[in-house]
Amino acid sequence: MRSYIVRGLLQSIVVVWIVLLIIFLMLHLTGDPADVLMPPEATNEEVDEFRKEMGFDRPLHEQYFSFLFGHKDNLGVLRGDFGKSFYHQEPAMGLVTERIPATLILAVAALFVGLIIAIPAGILSAVFRKSWIDHFSSVLSMAGQSIPNFWLGLMLIIVFSEILGWLPTSGYRGLSSIVLPAFTAGLYATARIMRMMRSTLLEVLSQDFINTARSKGIREAVVISRHALKNASIPVVTIIGLELGGLLSGTVVVEVVFAWPGVGWLVVEAIQSNDYPVVQAAVALLSFMFVGVNLAVDIFYAWLDPRISYS
């Protein structure tokens, strides 16, 4: 078990390093960073001064080491310092961490919505295979994966906010304001979790030990709840962890539609104002959270299923 965890940590470190490398190269993919970051009306002297101040005039490998380990007043990204925001003139990572709680609340709420719909629907779809319940669940799954988030969010605002007046249209002003964005973000996760629950439960229900339990006269509800679900839940745990990581980093559209004060909305604002330190800090932090969630799920998965080899 210890070697399994150590190997997972080493793999996570490699992924984090690759993410940091991509984040560093983001500024250089469109040409000279000084020309990109400075306003169009800036003179050549101002651009040259900015290039020298930011260190863009140095060789690329020197810029990379300064990016990692710091340069002058910058402590480097390995210490969580991505520099100051060009727009807000505040530490970029500080601005991102201020928005993390709102994104976490939305991601957890969306996952909760997905679970309370997907798990019962997946179980019923597998138990009543080829019935109208199974067909309805399949339609719901297809709709969840095909309907764009921005369109669904706008439709929910029109119906429940503008027409019915039940829920607020945007912002975060209490529990009622999280209902629409959580359902919008959680519908896609609902579809994937429900399909995984159905397929794994169908596979378990066809195995010999289930038939043995049924032959002993055990009630069907007991067979499903005590024997089938326990074995079918293991792959579902993995997809739930992936969905949580995806929701943490993939709610940008939902946050913009509902003006939710999370990291996604901050990133959109930063991109519009060429505030690259904030974009880099946000991408890095969300990527680290995604890697951390996946590592935790892998460890929990191995602990949950002793049949997994640690070697």
C-alpha atoms as a PDB file:
ATOM      1  CA  MET A   1       0.000   0.000   0.000  1.00  0.00           C
ATOM      2  CA  ARG A   2       2.809   2.407   0.861  1.00  0.00           C
ATOM      3  CA  SER A   3       4.587   1.823  -2.451  1.00  0.00           C
ATOM      4  CA  TYR A   4       1.267   2.318  -4.255  1.00  0.00           C
ATOM      5  CA  ILE A   5       0.804   5.721  -2.599  1.00  0.00           C
ATOM      6  CA  VAL A   6       4.420   6.742  -3.261  1.00  0.00           C
ATOM      7  CA  ARG A   7       4.088   5.838  -6.934  1.00  0.00           C
ATOM      8  CA  GLY A   8       0.867   7.822  -7.149  1.00  0.00           C
ATOM      9  CA  LEU A   9       2.557  10.833  -5.547  1.00  0.00           C
ATOM     10  CA  LEU A  10       5.464  10.632  -7.994  1.00  0.00           C
ATOM     11  CA  GLN A  11       3.075  10.454 -10.937  1.00  0.00           C
ATOM     12  CA  SER A  12       1.175  13.447  -9.560  1.00  0.00           C
ATOM     13  CA  ILE A  13       4.413  15.425  -9.255  1.00  0.00           C
ATOM     14  CA  VAL A  14       5.222  14.709 -12.912  1.00  0.00           C
ATOM     15  CA  VAL A  15       1.749  15.873 -13.944  1.00  0.00           C
ATOM     16  CA  VAL A  16       2.124  19.051 -11.876  1.00  0.00           C
ATOM     17  CA  TRP A  17       5.485  19.765 -13.511  1.00  0.00           C
ATOM     18  CA  ILE A  18       3.980  19.338 -16.990  1.00  0.00           C
ATOM     19  CA  VAL A  19       1.117  21.669 -16.038  1.00  0.00           C
ATOM     20  CA  LEU A  20       3.573  24.328 -14.833  1.00  0.00           C
ATOM     21  CA  LEU A  21       5.561  23.994 -18.045  1.00  0.00           C
ATOM     22  CA  ILE A  22       2.426  24.512 -20.144  1.00  0.00           C
ATOM     23  CA  ILE A  23       1.424  27.495 -17.999  1.00  0.00           C
ATOM     24  CA  PHE A  24       4.841  29.055 -18.545  1.00  0.00           C
ATOM     25  CA  LEU A  25       4.665  28.525 -22.306  1.00  0.00           C
ATOM     26  CA  MET A  26       1.193  30.108 -22.475  1.00  0.00           C
ATOM     27  CA  LEU A  27       2.766  33.572 -22.663  1.00  0.00           C
ATOM     28  CA  HIS A  28       5.146  32.631 -25.459  1.00  0.00           C
ATOM     29  CA  LEU A  29       2.733  30.813 -27.787  1.00  0.00           C
ATOM     30  CA  THR A  30       1.419  34.047 -29.321  1.00  0.00           C
ATOM     31  CA  GLY A  31       4.797  35.724 -29.896  1.00  0.00           C
ATOM     32  CA  ASP A  32       6.588  38.338 -27.852  1.00  0.00           C
ATOM     33  CA  PRO A  33       4.840  38.543 -24.436  1.00  0.00           C
ATOM     34  CA  ALA A  34       5.621  42.256 -24.144  1.00  0.00           C
ATOM     35  CA  ASP A  35       3.754  43.023 -27.381  1.00  0.00           C
ATOM     36  CA  VAL A  36       0.812  40.901 -26.220  1.00  0.00           C
ATOM     37  CA  LEU A  37       0.538  42.369 -22.737  1.00  0.00           C
ATOM     38  CA  MET A  38       1.135  46.035 -23.507  1.00  0.00           C
ATOM     39  CA  PRO A  39      -1.760  48.147 -24.891  1.00  0.00           C
ATOM     40  CA  PRO A  40      -1.764  48.912 -28.644  1.00  0.00           C
ATOM     41  CA  GLU A  41      -1.115  52.599 -28.030  1.00  0.00           C
ATOM     42  CA  ALA A  42       2.127  51.929 -26.112  1.00  0.00           C
ATOM     43  CA  THR A  43       5.301  53.316 -27.684  1.00  0.00           C
ATOM     44  CA  ASN A  44       8.307  51.177 -28.610  1.00  0.00           C
ATOM     45  CA  GLU A  45      10.247  52.644 -25.677  1.00  0.00           C
ATOM     46  CA  GLU A  46       7.478  51.663 -23.245  1.00  0.00           C
ATOM     47  CA  VAL A  47       7.323  48.153 -24.687  1.00  0.00           C
ATOM     48  CA  ASP A  48      11.111  47.762 -24.403  1.00  0.00           C
ATOM     49  CA  GLU A  49      11.058  49.021 -20.812  1.00  0.00           C
ATOM     50  CA  PHE A  50       8.251  46.607 -19.920  1.00  0.00           C
ATOM     51  CA  ARG A  51      10.088  43.732 -21.619  1.00  0.00           C
ATOM     52  CA  LYS A  52      13.211  44.443 -19.579  1.00  0.00           C
ATOM     53  CA  GLU A  53      11.260  44.908 -16.330  1.00  0.00           C
ATOM     54  CA  MET A  54       9.458  41.575 -16.728  1.00  0.00           C
ATOM     55  CA  GLY A  55      12.602  39.737 -17.838  1.00  0.00           C
ATOM     56  CA  PHE A  56      11.260  38.854 -21.297  1.00  0.00           C
ATOM     57  CA  ASP A  57      14.535  39.979 -22.864  1.00  0.00           C
ATOM     58  CA  ARG A  58      16.437  37.089 -21.271  1.00  0.00           C
ATOM     59  CA  PRO A  59      16.873  33.581 -22.772  1.00  0.00           C
ATOM     60  CA  LEU A  60      13.869  31.308 -22.474  1.00  0.00           C
ATOM     61  CA  HIS A  61      15.517  28.851 -20.077  1.00  0.00           C
ATOM     62  CA  GLU A  62      16.460  31.682 -17.702  1.00  0.00           C
ATOM     63  CA  GLN A  63      12.873  32.934 -17.791  1.00  0.00           C
ATOM     64  CA  TYR A  64      11.672  29.427 -16.949  1.00  0.00           C
ATOM     65  CA  PHE A  65      13.933  29.096 -13.910  1.00  0.00           C
ATOM     66  CA  SER A  66      12.868  32.560 -12.750  1.00  0.00           C
ATOM     67  CA  PHE A  67       9.249  31.481 -13.228  1.00  0.00           C
ATOM     68  CA  LEU A  68       9.823  28.466 -10.988  1.00  0.00           C
ATOM     69  CA  PHE A  69      12.216  29.781  -8.368  1.00  0.00           C
ATOM     70  CA  GLY A  70      11.601  33.527  -8.434  1.00  0.00           C
ATOM     71  CA  HIS A  71      13.292  36.678  -9.643  1.00  0.00           C
ATOM     72  CA  LYS A  72      13.785  39.938  -7.735  1.00  0.00           C
ATOM     73  CA  ASP A  73      10.563  40.506  -5.745  1.00  0.00           C
ATOM     74  CA  ASN A  74       8.881  37.405  -7.217  1.00  0.00           C
ATOM     75  CA  LEU A  75       9.304  34.281  -5.068  1.00  0.00           C
ATOM     76  CA  GLY A  76       8.419  31.895  -7.914  1.00  0.00           C
ATOM     77  CA  VAL A  77       5.474  29.603  -8.568  1.00  0.00           C
ATOM     78  CA  LEU A  78       6.960  26.802  -6.465  1.00  0.00           C
ATOM     79  CA  ARG A  79       6.233  29.064  -3.503  1.00  0.00           C
ATOM     80  CA  GLY A  80       2.806  30.012  -4.805  1.00  0.00           C
ATOM     81  CA  ASP A  81       3.834  33.426  -6.139  1.00  0.00           C
ATOM     82  CA  PHE A  82       2.603  34.139  -9.672  1.00  0.00           C
ATOM     83  CA  GLY A  83       3.300  37.846  -9.451  1.00  0.00           C
ATOM     84  CA  LYS A  84       0.856  40.718  -9.229  1.00  0.00           C
ATOM     85  CA  SER A  85      -2.292  41.122 -11.223  1.00  0.00           C
ATOM     86  CA  PHE A  86      -1.840  43.685 -14.002  1.00  0.00           C
ATOM     87  CA  TYR A  87      -5.402  44.907 -13.514  1.00  0.00           C
ATOM     88  CA  HIS A  88      -5.945  44.731  -9.748  1.00  0.00           C
ATOM     89  CA  GLN A  89      -2.317  45.322  -8.670  1.00  0.00           C
ATOM     90  CA  GLU A  90      -2.684  42.597  -6.045  1.00  0.00           C
ATOM     91  CA  PRO A  91      -1.043  39.157  -5.724  1.00  0.00           C
ATOM     92  CA  ALA A  92      -2.572  36.954  -8.422  1.00  0.00           C
ATOM     93  CA  MET A  93      -2.784  33.845  -6.249  1.00  0.00           C
ATOM     94  CA  GLY A  94      -4.512  35.829  -3.513  1.00  0.00           C
ATOM     95  CA  LEU A  95      -7.225  36.901  -5.948  1.00  0.00           C
ATOM     96  CA  VAL A  96      -7.731  33.296  -7.043  1.00  0.00           C
ATOM     97  CA  THR A  97      -7.869  31.842  -3.527  1.00  0.00           C
ATOM     98  CA  GLU A  98     -10.529  34.412  -2.610  1.00  0.00           C
ATOM     99  CA  ARG A  99     -12.770  32.929  -5.314  1.00  0.00           C
ATOM    100  CA  ILE A 100     -12.050  29.260  -4.545  1.00  0.00           C
ATOM    101  CA  PRO A 101     -14.766  28.909  -1.833  1.00  0.00           C
ATOM    102  CA  ALA A 102     -17.497  29.973  -4.264  1.00  0.00           C
ATOM    103  CA  THR A 103     -16.262  27.489  -6.876  1.00  0.00           C
ATOM    104  CA  LEU A 104     -16.048  24.721  -4.283  1.00  0.00           C
ATOM    105  CA  ILE A 105     -19.604  25.408  -3.124  1.00  0.00           C
ATOM    106  CA  LEU A 106     -20.890  25.253  -6.699  1.00  0.00           C
ATOM    107  CA  ALA A 107     -18.922  22.082  -7.548  1.00  0.00           C
ATOM    108  CA  VAL A 108     -20.042  20.209  -4.425  1.00  0.00           C
ATOM    109  CA  ALA A 109     -23.651  21.315  -4.882  1.00  0.00           C
ATOM    110  CA  ALA A 110     -23.590  20.255  -8.545  1.00  0.00           C
ATOM    111  CA  LEU A 111     -22.115  16.864  -7.616  1.00  0.00           C
ATOM    112  CA  PHE A 112     -24.778  16.432  -4.927  1.00  0.00           C
ATOM    113  CA  VAL A 113     -27.487  17.157  -7.505  1.00  0.00           C
ATOM    114  CA  GLY A 114     -25.893  14.642  -9.825  1.00  0.00           C
ATOM    115  CA  LEU A 115     -25.710  11.929  -7.177  1.00  0.00           C
ATOM    116  CA  ILE A 116     -29.268  12.222  -5.898  1.00  0.00           C
ATOM    117  CA  ILE A 117     -30.538  11.875  -9.461  1.00  0.00           C
ATOM    118  CA  ALA A 118     -27.976   9.528 -11.017  1.00  0.00           C
ATOM    119  CA  ILE A 119     -27.656   6.820  -8.357  1.00  0.00           C
ATOM    120  CA  PRO A 120     -31.399   6.001  -7.984  1.00  0.00           C
ATOM    121  CA  ALA A 121     -31.965   6.371 -11.734  1.00  0.00           C
ATOM    122  CA  GLY A 122     -29.032   4.073 -12.536  1.00  0.00           C
ATOM    123  CA  ILE A 123     -30.202   1.439 -10.061  1.00  0.00           C
ATOM    124  CA  LEU A 124     -33.795   1.498 -11.318  1.00  0.00           C
ATOM    125  CA  SER A 125     -32.616   1.416 -14.914  1.00  0.00           C
ATOM    126  CA  ALA A 126     -30.535  -1.709 -14.253  1.00  0.00           C
ATOM    127  CA  VAL A 127     -33.153  -3.495 -12.124  1.00  0.00           C
ATOM    128  CA  PHE A 128     -35.991  -2.774 -14.593  1.00  0.00           C
ATOM    129  CA  ARG A 129     -33.965  -3.283 -17.726  1.00  0.00           C
ATOM    130  CA  LYS A 130     -35.728  -2.598 -21.038  1.00  0.00           C
ATOM    131  CA  SER A 131     -38.742  -1.143 -19.238  1.00  0.00           C
ATOM    132  CA  TRP A 132     -40.072   2.391 -19.614  1.00  0.00           C
ATOM    133  CA  ILE A 133     -37.915   3.383 -16.624  1.00  0.00           C
ATOM    134  CA  ASP A 134     -34.798   2.199 -18.453  1.00  0.00           C
ATOM    135  CA  HIS A 135     -35.801   4.019 -21.642  1.00  0.00           C
ATOM    136  CA  PHE A 136     -36.599   7.232 -19.725  1.00  0.00           C
ATOM    137  CA  SER A 137     -33.239   7.054 -17.952  1.00  0.00           C
ATOM    138  CA  SER A 138     -31.466   6.595 -21.274  1.00  0.00           C
ATOM    139  CA  VAL A 139     -33.204   9.665 -22.689  1.00  0.00           C
ATOM    140  CA  LEU A 140     -32.272  11.647 -19.578  1.00  0.00           C
ATOM    141  CA  SER A 141     -28.664  10.507 -19.917  1.00  0.00           C
ATOM    142  CA  MET A 142     -28.501  11.525 -23.576  1.00  0.00           C
ATOM    143  CA  ALA A 143     -30.058  14.887 -22.796  1.00  0.00           C
ATOM    144  CA  GLY A 144     -27.622  15.523 -19.977  1.00  0.00           C
ATOM    145  CA  GLN A 145     -24.615  14.951 -22.224  1.00  0.00           C
ATOM    146  CA  SER A 146     -25.948  16.788 -25.271  1.00  0.00           C
ATOM    147  CA  ILE A 147     -27.582  19.955 -23.897  1.00  0.00           C
ATOM    148  CA  PRO A 148     -25.057  22.842 -23.722  1.00  0.00           C
ATOM    149  CA  ASN A 149     -24.623  24.343 -20.270  1.00  0.00           C
ATOM    150  CA  PHE A 150     -25.088  27.923 -21.414  1.00  0.00           C
ATOM    151  CA  TRP A 151     -28.392  27.145 -23.168  1.00  0.00           C
ATOM    152  CA  LEU A 152     -29.740  25.145 -20.233  1.00  0.00           C
ATOM    153  CA  GLY A 153     -28.742  27.890 -17.806  1.00  0.00           C
ATOM    154  CA  LEU A 154     -30.485  30.566 -19.852  1.00  0.00           C
ATOM    155  CA  MET A 155     -33.640  28.456 -20.157  1.00  0.00           C
ATOM    156  CA  LEU A 156     -33.732  27.848 -16.413  1.00  0.00           C
ATOM    157  CA  ILE A 157     -33.322  31.581 -15.757  1.00  0.00           C
ATOM    158  CA  ILE A 158     -36.190  32.404 -18.122  1.00  0.00           C
ATOM    159  CA  VAL A 159     -38.547  29.819 -16.611  1.00  0.00           C
ATOM    160  CA  PHE A 160     -37.772  29.872 -12.895  1.00  0.00           C
ATOM    161  CA  SER A 161     -36.583  33.453 -12.486  1.00  0.00           C
ATOM    162  CA  GLU A 162     -38.299  35.596 -15.100  1.00  0.00           C
ATOM    163  CA  ILE A 163     -41.622  33.771 -15.578  1.00  0.00           C
ATOM    164  CA  LEU A 164     -42.229  32.060 -12.228  1.00  0.00           C
ATOM    165  CA  GLY A 165     -40.081  34.349 -10.085  1.00  0.00           C
ATOM    166  CA  TRP A 166     -39.128  31.513  -7.736  1.00  0.00           C
ATOM    167  CA  LEU A 167     -35.324  31.817  -7.806  1.00  0.00           C
ATOM    168  CA  PRO A 168     -32.785  34.639  -8.279  1.00  0.00           C
ATOM    169  CA  THR A 169     -31.273  35.103 -11.722  1.00  0.00           C
ATOM    170  CA  SER A 170     -27.625  35.537 -10.767  1.00  0.00           C
ATOM    171  CA  GLY A 171     -25.072  36.164  -8.033  1.00  0.00           C
ATOM    172  CA  TYR A 172     -24.738  34.517  -4.646  1.00  0.00           C
ATOM    173  CA  ARG A 173     -27.328  35.768  -2.176  1.00  0.00           C
ATOM    174  CA  GLY A 174     -28.088  32.646  -0.181  1.00  0.00           C
ATOM    175  CA  LEU A 175     -29.055  29.019  -0.704  1.00  0.00           C
ATOM    176  CA  SER A 176     -31.784  29.810  -3.229  1.00  0.00           C
ATOM    177  CA  SER A 177     -29.259  31.342  -5.611  1.00  0.00           C
ATOM    178  CA  ILE A 178     -27.286  28.096  -5.889  1.00  0.00           C
ATOM    179  CA  VAL A 179     -30.164  25.921  -7.115  1.00  0.00           C
ATOM    180  CA  LEU A 180     -30.116  26.889 -10.795  1.00  0.00           C
ATOM    181  CA  PRO A 181     -26.320  26.922 -11.323  1.00  0.00           C
ATOM    182  CA  ALA A 182     -25.932  23.663  -9.383  1.00  0.00           C
ATOM    183  CA  PHE A 183     -28.554  21.897 -11.512  1.00  0.00           C
ATOM    184  CA  THR A 184     -27.051  23.342 -14.707  1.00  0.00           C
ATOM    185  CA  ALA A 185     -23.533  22.192 -13.844  1.00  0.00           C
ATOM    186  CA  GLY A 186     -24.662  18.890 -12.354  1.00  0.00           C
ATOM    187  CA  LEU A 187     -26.773  17.619 -15.243  1.00  0.00           C
ATOM    188  CA  TYR A 188     -23.750  16.536 -17.296  1.00  0.00           C
ATOM    189  CA  ALA A 189     -22.275  14.730 -14.291  1.00  0.00           C
ATOM    190  CA  THR A 190     -25.661  13.112 -13.710  1.00  0.00           C
ATOM    191  CA  ALA A 191     -25.601  11.520 -17.147  1.00  0.00           C
ATOM    192  CA  ARG A 192     -22.144   9.985 -16.789  1.00  0.00           C
ATOM    193  CA  ILE A 193     -22.648   8.702 -13.239  1.00  0.00           C
ATOM    194  CA  MET A 194     -26.041   7.220 -14.139  1.00  0.00           C
ATOM    195  CA  ARG A 195     -24.644   5.348 -17.145  1.00  0.00           C
ATOM    196  CA  MET A 196     -21.743   3.994 -15.084  1.00  0.00           C
ATOM    197  CA  MET A 197     -24.111   2.926 -12.277  1.00  0.00           C
ATOM    198  CA  ARG A 198     -26.394   1.125 -14.717  1.00  0.00           C
ATOM    199  CA  SER A 199     -23.651  -0.693 -16.639  1.00  0.00           C
ATOM    200  CA  THR A 200     -21.704  -1.860 -13.576  1.00  0.00           C
ATOM    201  CA  LEU A 201     -24.853  -2.982 -11.745  1.00  0.00           C
ATOM    202  CA  LEU A 202     -26.013  -4.954 -14.791  1.00  0.00           C
ATOM    203  CA  GLU A 203     -22.631  -6.670 -14.925  1.00  0.00           C
ATOM    204  CA  VAL A 204     -22.741  -7.562 -11.224  1.00  0.00           C
ATOM    205  CA  LEU A 205     -26.333  -8.815 -11.398  1.00  0.00           C
ATOM    206  CA  SER A 206     -25.314 -11.366 -14.037  1.00  0.00           C
ATOM    207  CA  GLN A 207     -22.565 -12.939 -11.921  1.00  0.00           C
ATOM    208  CA  ASP A 208     -22.782 -16.314 -10.193  1.00  0.00           C
ATOM    209  CA  PHE A 209     -22.759 -15.142  -6.593  1.00  0.00           C
ATOM    210  CA  ILE A 210     -25.909 -13.093  -7.261  1.00  0.00           C
ATOM    211  CA  ASN A 211     -27.640 -16.133  -8.700  1.00  0.00           C
ATOM    212  CA  THR A 212     -26.522 -18.130  -5.635  1.00  0.00           C
ATOM    213  CA  ALA A 213     -27.980 -15.511  -3.294  1.00  0.00           C
ATOM    214  CA  ARG A 214     -31.259 -15.594  -5.196  1.00  0.00           C
ATOM    215  CA  SER A 215     -31.370 -19.405  -5.096  1.00  0.00           C
ATOM    216  CA  LYS A 216     -31.174 -19.254  -1.301  1.00  0.00           C
ATOM    217  CA  GLY A 217     -34.472 -17.401  -1.235  1.00  0.00           C
ATOM    218  CA  ILE A 218     -33.044 -14.016  -0.293  1.00  0.00           C
ATOM    219  CA  ARG A 219     -35.378 -11.185  -1.211  1.00  0.00           C
ATOM    220  CA  GLU A 220     -34.463  -9.279  -4.366  1.00  0.00           C
ATOM    221  CA  ALA A 221     -34.195  -5.969  -2.512  1.00  0.00           C
ATOM    222  CA  VAL A 222     -31.670  -7.505  -0.093  1.00  0.00           C
ATOM    223  CA  VAL A 223     -29.705  -9.083  -2.948  1.00  0.00           C
ATOM    224  CA  ILE A 224     -29.405  -5.729  -4.689  1.00  0.00           C
ATOM    225  CA  SER A 225     -28.707  -3.573  -1.630  1.00  0.00           C
ATOM    226  CA  ARG A 226     -26.316  -5.850   0.282  1.00  0.00           C
ATOM    227  CA  HIS A 227     -24.592  -7.820  -2.459  1.00  0.00           C
ATOM    228  CA  ALA A 228     -24.880  -6.148  -5.855  1.00  0.00           C
ATOM    229  CA  LEU A 229     -24.529  -2.469  -4.936  1.00  0.00           C
ATOM    230  CA  LYS A 230     -21.400  -2.971  -2.858  1.00  0.00           C
ATOM    231  CA  ASN A 231     -19.555  -4.519  -5.788  1.00  0.00           C
ATOM    232  CA  ALA A 232     -21.050  -2.203  -8.395  1.00  0.00           C
ATOM    233  CA  SER A 233     -20.145   0.962  -6.473  1.00  0.00           C
ATOM    234  CA  ILE A 234     -16.371   0.582  -6.894  1.00  0.00           C
ATOM    235  CA  PRO A 235     -16.143   1.863 -10.517  1.00  0.00           C
ATOM    236  CA  VAL A 236     -18.754   4.502  -9.672  1.00  0.00           C
ATOM    237  CA  VAL A 237     -16.438   5.923  -6.988  1.00  0.00           C
ATOM    238  CA  THR A 238     -13.824   6.548  -9.668  1.00  0.00           C
ATOM    239  CA  ILE A 239     -16.213   8.379 -11.980  1.00  0.00           C
ATOM    240  CA  ILE A 240     -17.517  10.465  -9.054  1.00  0.00           C
ATOM    241  CA  GLY A 241     -13.977  11.595  -8.262  1.00  0.00           C
ATOM    242  CA  LEU A 242     -13.353  12.482 -11.890  1.00  0.00           C
ATOM    243  CA  GLU A 243     -16.616  14.394 -12.050  1.00  0.00           C
ATOM    244  CA  LEU A 244     -15.733  16.377  -8.919  1.00  0.00           C
ATOM    245  CA  GLY A 245     -12.375  17.306 -10.413  1.00  0.00           C
ATOM    246  CA  GLY A 246     -14.059  18.238 -13.667  1.00  0.00           C
ATOM    247  CA  LEU A 247     -16.630  20.384 -11.883  1.00  0.00           C
ATOM    248  CA  LEU A 248     -13.912  22.253  -9.995  1.00  0.00           C
ATOM    249  CA  SER A 249     -12.225  23.262 -13.239  1.00  0.00           C
ATOM    250  CA  GLY A 250     -15.105  23.114 -15.700  1.00  0.00           C
ATOM    251  CA  THR A 251     -17.787  25.437 -14.340  1.00  0.00           C
ATOM    252  CA  VAL A 252     -16.522  28.491 -16.228  1.00  0.00           C
ATOM    253  CA  VAL A 253     -19.540  28.732 -18.525  1.00  0.00           C
ATOM    254  CA  VAL A 254     -21.999  28.216 -15.666  1.00  0.00           C
ATOM    255  CA  GLU A 255     -20.289  30.859 -13.533  1.00  0.00           C
ATOM    256  CA  VAL A 256     -20.438  33.375 -16.377  1.00  0.00           C
ATOM    257  CA  VAL A 257     -24.110  32.681 -17.163  1.00  0.00           C
ATOM    258  CA  PHE A 258     -25.169  33.063 -13.531  1.00  0.00           C
ATOM    259  CA  ALA A 259     -22.579  35.726 -12.587  1.00  0.00           C
ATOM    260  CA  TRP A 260     -21.324  33.340  -9.929  1.00  0.00           C
ATOM    261  CA  PRO A 261     -18.321  34.878  -8.099  1.00  0.00           C
ATOM    262  CA  GLY A 262     -16.007  31.918  -8.593  1.00  0.00           C
ATOM    263  CA  VAL A 263     -12.653  31.253 -10.209  1.00  0.00           C
ATOM    264  CA  GLY A 264     -14.184  30.647 -13.635  1.00  0.00           C
ATOM    265  CA  TRP A 265     -15.697  34.105 -13.819  1.00  0.00           C
ATOM    266  CA  LEU A 266     -12.404  35.589 -12.591  1.00  0.00           C
ATOM    267  CA  VAL A 267     -10.513  33.766 -15.354  1.00  0.00           C
ATOM    268  CA  VAL A 268     -12.849  35.109 -18.039  1.00  0.00           C
ATOM    269  CA  GLU A 269     -12.377  38.650 -16.750  1.00  0.00           C
ATOM    270  CA  ALA A 270      -8.604  38.142 -16.620  1.00  0.00           C
ATOM    271  CA  ILE A 271      -8.492  36.849 -20.207  1.00  0.00           C
ATOM    272  CA  GLN A 272     -10.489  39.836 -21.429  1.00  0.00           C
ATOM    273  CA  SER A 273      -8.034  42.242 -19.751  1.00  0.00           C
ATOM    274  CA  ASN A 274      -4.862  40.262 -20.658  1.00  0.00           C
ATOM    275  CA  ASP A 275      -4.214  39.697 -16.956  1.00  0.00           C
ATOM    276  CA  TYR A 276      -1.923  36.710 -17.475  1.00  0.00           C
ATOM    277  CA  PRO A 277      -0.675  36.314 -13.870  1.00  0.00           C
ATOM    278  CA  VAL A 278      -4.255  35.732 -12.713  1.00  0.00           C
ATOM    279  CA  VAL A 279      -4.903  33.277 -15.561  1.00  0.00           C
ATOM    280  CA  GLN A 280      -1.720  31.370 -14.763  1.00  0.00           C
ATOM    281  CA  ALA A 281      -2.491  31.255 -11.036  1.00  0.00           C
ATOM    282  CA  ALA A 282      -6.060  30.068 -11.637  1.00  0.00           C
ATOM    283  CA  VAL A 283      -5.067  27.366 -14.132  1.00  0.00           C
ATOM    284  CA  ALA A 284      -2.310  26.150 -11.807  1.00  0.00           C
ATOM    285  CA  LEU A 285      -4.478  26.003  -8.691  1.00  0.00           C
ATOM    286  CA  LEU A 286      -7.390  24.281 -10.430  1.00  0.00           C
ATOM    287  CA  SER A 287      -5.007  21.781 -12.020  1.00  0.00           C
ATOM    288  CA  PHE A 288      -3.422  21.007  -8.649  1.00  0.00           C
ATOM    289  CA  MET A 289      -6.865  20.461  -7.141  1.00  0.00           C
ATOM    290  CA  PHE A 290      -7.816  18.139 -10.002  1.00  0.00           C
ATOM    291  CA  VAL A 291      -4.614  16.119  -9.565  1.00  0.00           C
ATOM    292  CA  GLY A 292      -5.179  15.970  -5.800  1.00  0.00           C
ATOM    293  CA  VAL A 293      -8.740  14.711  -6.207  1.00  0.00           C
ATOM    294  CA  ASN A 294      -7.626  12.023  -8.652  1.00  0.00           C
ATOM    295  CA  LEU A 295      -4.842  10.895  -6.320  1.00  0.00           C
ATOM    296  CA  ALA A 296      -7.259  10.693  -3.391  1.00  0.00           C
ATOM    297  CA  VAL A 297      -9.726   8.688  -5.486  1.00  0.00           C
ATOM    298  CA  ASP A 298      -7.005   6.241  -6.586  1.00  0.00           C
ATOM    299  CA  ILE A 299      -5.939   5.660  -2.987  1.00  0.00           C
ATOM    300  CA  PHE A 300      -9.532   5.251  -1.827  1.00  0.00           C
ATOM    301  CA  TYR A 301     -10.245   2.929  -4.751  1.00  0.00           C
ATOM    302  CA  ALA A 302      -7.319   0.684  -3.805  1.00  0.00           C
ATOM    303  CA  TRP A 303      -8.421   0.660  -0.175  1.00  0.00           C
ATOM    304  CA  LEU A 304     -12.018  -0.106  -1.127  1.00  0.00           C
ATOM    305  CA  ASP A 305     -11.150  -3.042  -3.391  1.00  0.00           C
ATOM    306  CA  PRO A 306      -8.484  -5.347  -1.876  1.00  0.00           C
ATOM    307  CA  ARG A 307      -8.253  -7.222  -5.172  1.00  0.00           C
ATOM    308  CA  ILE A 308      -6.290  -4.324  -6.700  1.00  0.00           C
ATOM    309  CA  SER A 309      -2.587  -5.089  -6.815  1.00  0.00           C
ATOM    310  CA  TYR A 310      -0.273  -2.562  -5.166  1.00  0.00           C
ATOM    311  CA  SER A 311       2.786  -3.842  -6.999  1.00  0.00           C
END
